[in-house]
């Protein structure tokens, strides 16, 4: 996993970690997403099953949440599923 441009997870906590999610977004060209657009799932399969691309809900692998310099919680995209 490449962490270039990503706030790395803290190895002593489980706050920011790699996880599977569904992201509500009209555009898939972004690399970070606010927590309000992200729904976390227990597994890759669950995220894929919950995805609904026709309604702009896309399964992905992300790292997060991390607190941005603006004070928002964000997730960093690792890849679309």
Protein backbone atom coordinates (compact mmCIF):
# COMPACT_ATOMS: atom_id res chain seq x y z
CA UNK A 1 0.00 0.00 0.00
CA UNK A 2 1.44 3.36 -1.03
CA UNK A 3 0.88 6.11 1.53
CA UNK A 4 2.15 8.96 -0.64
CA UNK A 5 0.04 12.04 0.13
CA UNK A 6 -1.79 10.24 2.94
CA UNK A 7 -1.57 10.78 6.68
CA UNK A 8 -0.25 7.37 7.80
CA UNK A 9 -2.23 5.30 10.32
CA UNK A 10 -1.08 5.48 13.94
CA UNK A 11 0.40 2.05 14.77
CA UNK A 12 -0.54 2.40 18.45
CA UNK A 13 -4.26 3.02 17.89
CA UNK A 14 -7.03 1.83 15.62
CA UNK A 15 -8.30 5.32 14.83
CA UNK A 16 -7.04 5.63 11.26
CA UNK A 17 -6.91 2.29 9.44
CA UNK A 18 -7.43 0.63 6.09
CA UNK A 19 -11.09 -0.29 5.62
CA UNK A 20 -13.75 -1.09 3.03
CA UNK A 21 -16.41 1.50 2.38
CA UNK A 22 -19.09 2.79 0.08
CA UNK A 23 -18.53 6.40 -0.97
CA UNK A 24 -21.34 8.63 -2.17
CA UNK A 25 -19.74 10.74 -4.90
CA UNK A 26 -20.72 11.89 -8.38
CA UNK A 27 -17.04 11.91 -9.47
CA UNK A 28 -14.48 9.15 -9.02
CA UNK A 29 -11.44 11.34 -9.78
CA UNK A 30 -10.90 12.56 -6.19
CA UNK A 31 -8.40 11.05 -3.76
CA UNK A 32 -9.95 12.10 -0.44
CA UNK A 33 -13.52 12.18 0.81
CA UNK A 34 -15.24 13.74 3.85
CA UNK A 35 -16.54 11.27 6.44
CA UNK A 36 -20.13 12.34 5.76
CA UNK A 37 -19.91 10.74 2.29
CA UNK A 38 -18.40 7.46 3.54
CA UNK A 39 -20.11 4.36 4.98
CA UNK A 40 -17.74 1.80 6.53
CA UNK A 41 -18.32 -1.96 6.14
CA UNK A 42 -16.85 -5.00 7.89
CA UNK A 43 -15.61 -6.65 4.70
CA UNK A 44 -14.75 -6.09 1.06
CA UNK A 45 -17.69 -8.28 0.05
CA UNK A 46 -20.16 -6.28 2.15
CA UNK A 47 -18.98 -2.99 0.63
CA UNK A 48 -19.27 -4.38 -2.90
CA UNK A 49 -22.76 -5.72 -2.16
CA UNK A 50 -23.89 -2.34 -0.80
CA UNK A 51 -22.52 -0.35 -3.75
CA UNK A 52 -25.03 1.23 -6.14
CA UNK A 53 -23.13 2.96 -8.96
CA UNK A 54 -26.33 4.15 -10.65
CA UNK A 55 -27.02 6.19 -7.50
CA UNK A 56 -23.38 7.38 -7.16
CA UNK A 57 -22.48 4.93 -4.35
CA UNK A 58 -19.13 3.26 -5.11
CA UNK A 59 -17.25 0.55 -3.18
CA UNK A 60 -13.65 1.39 -2.30
CA UNK A 61 -10.69 0.64 -0.09
CA UNK A 62 -9.59 3.64 1.99
CA UNK A 63 -7.41 4.74 4.90
CA UNK A 64 -9.04 6.82 7.58
CA UNK A 65 -10.50 8.66 9.18
CA UNK A 66 -7.89 11.35 9.58
CA UNK A 67 -8.49 14.89 10.75
CA UNK A 68 -7.68 17.41 8.03
CA UNK A 69 -6.06 20.79 8.63
CA UNK A 70 -9.54 22.29 8.19
CA UNK A 71 -10.86 20.18 11.09
CA UNK A 72 -12.88 17.74 8.97
CA UNK A 73 -12.57 13.98 9.18
CA UNK A 74 -11.55 12.55 5.82
CA UNK A 75 -10.80 9.21 4.19
CA UNK A 76 -8.00 8.71 1.64
CA UNK A 77 -8.74 6.52 -1.38
CA UNK A 78 -6.51 3.48 -1.87
CA UNK A 79 -8.54 2.08 -4.75
CA UNK A 80 -12.00 1.46 -6.19
CA UNK A 81 -13.40 -2.05 -5.84
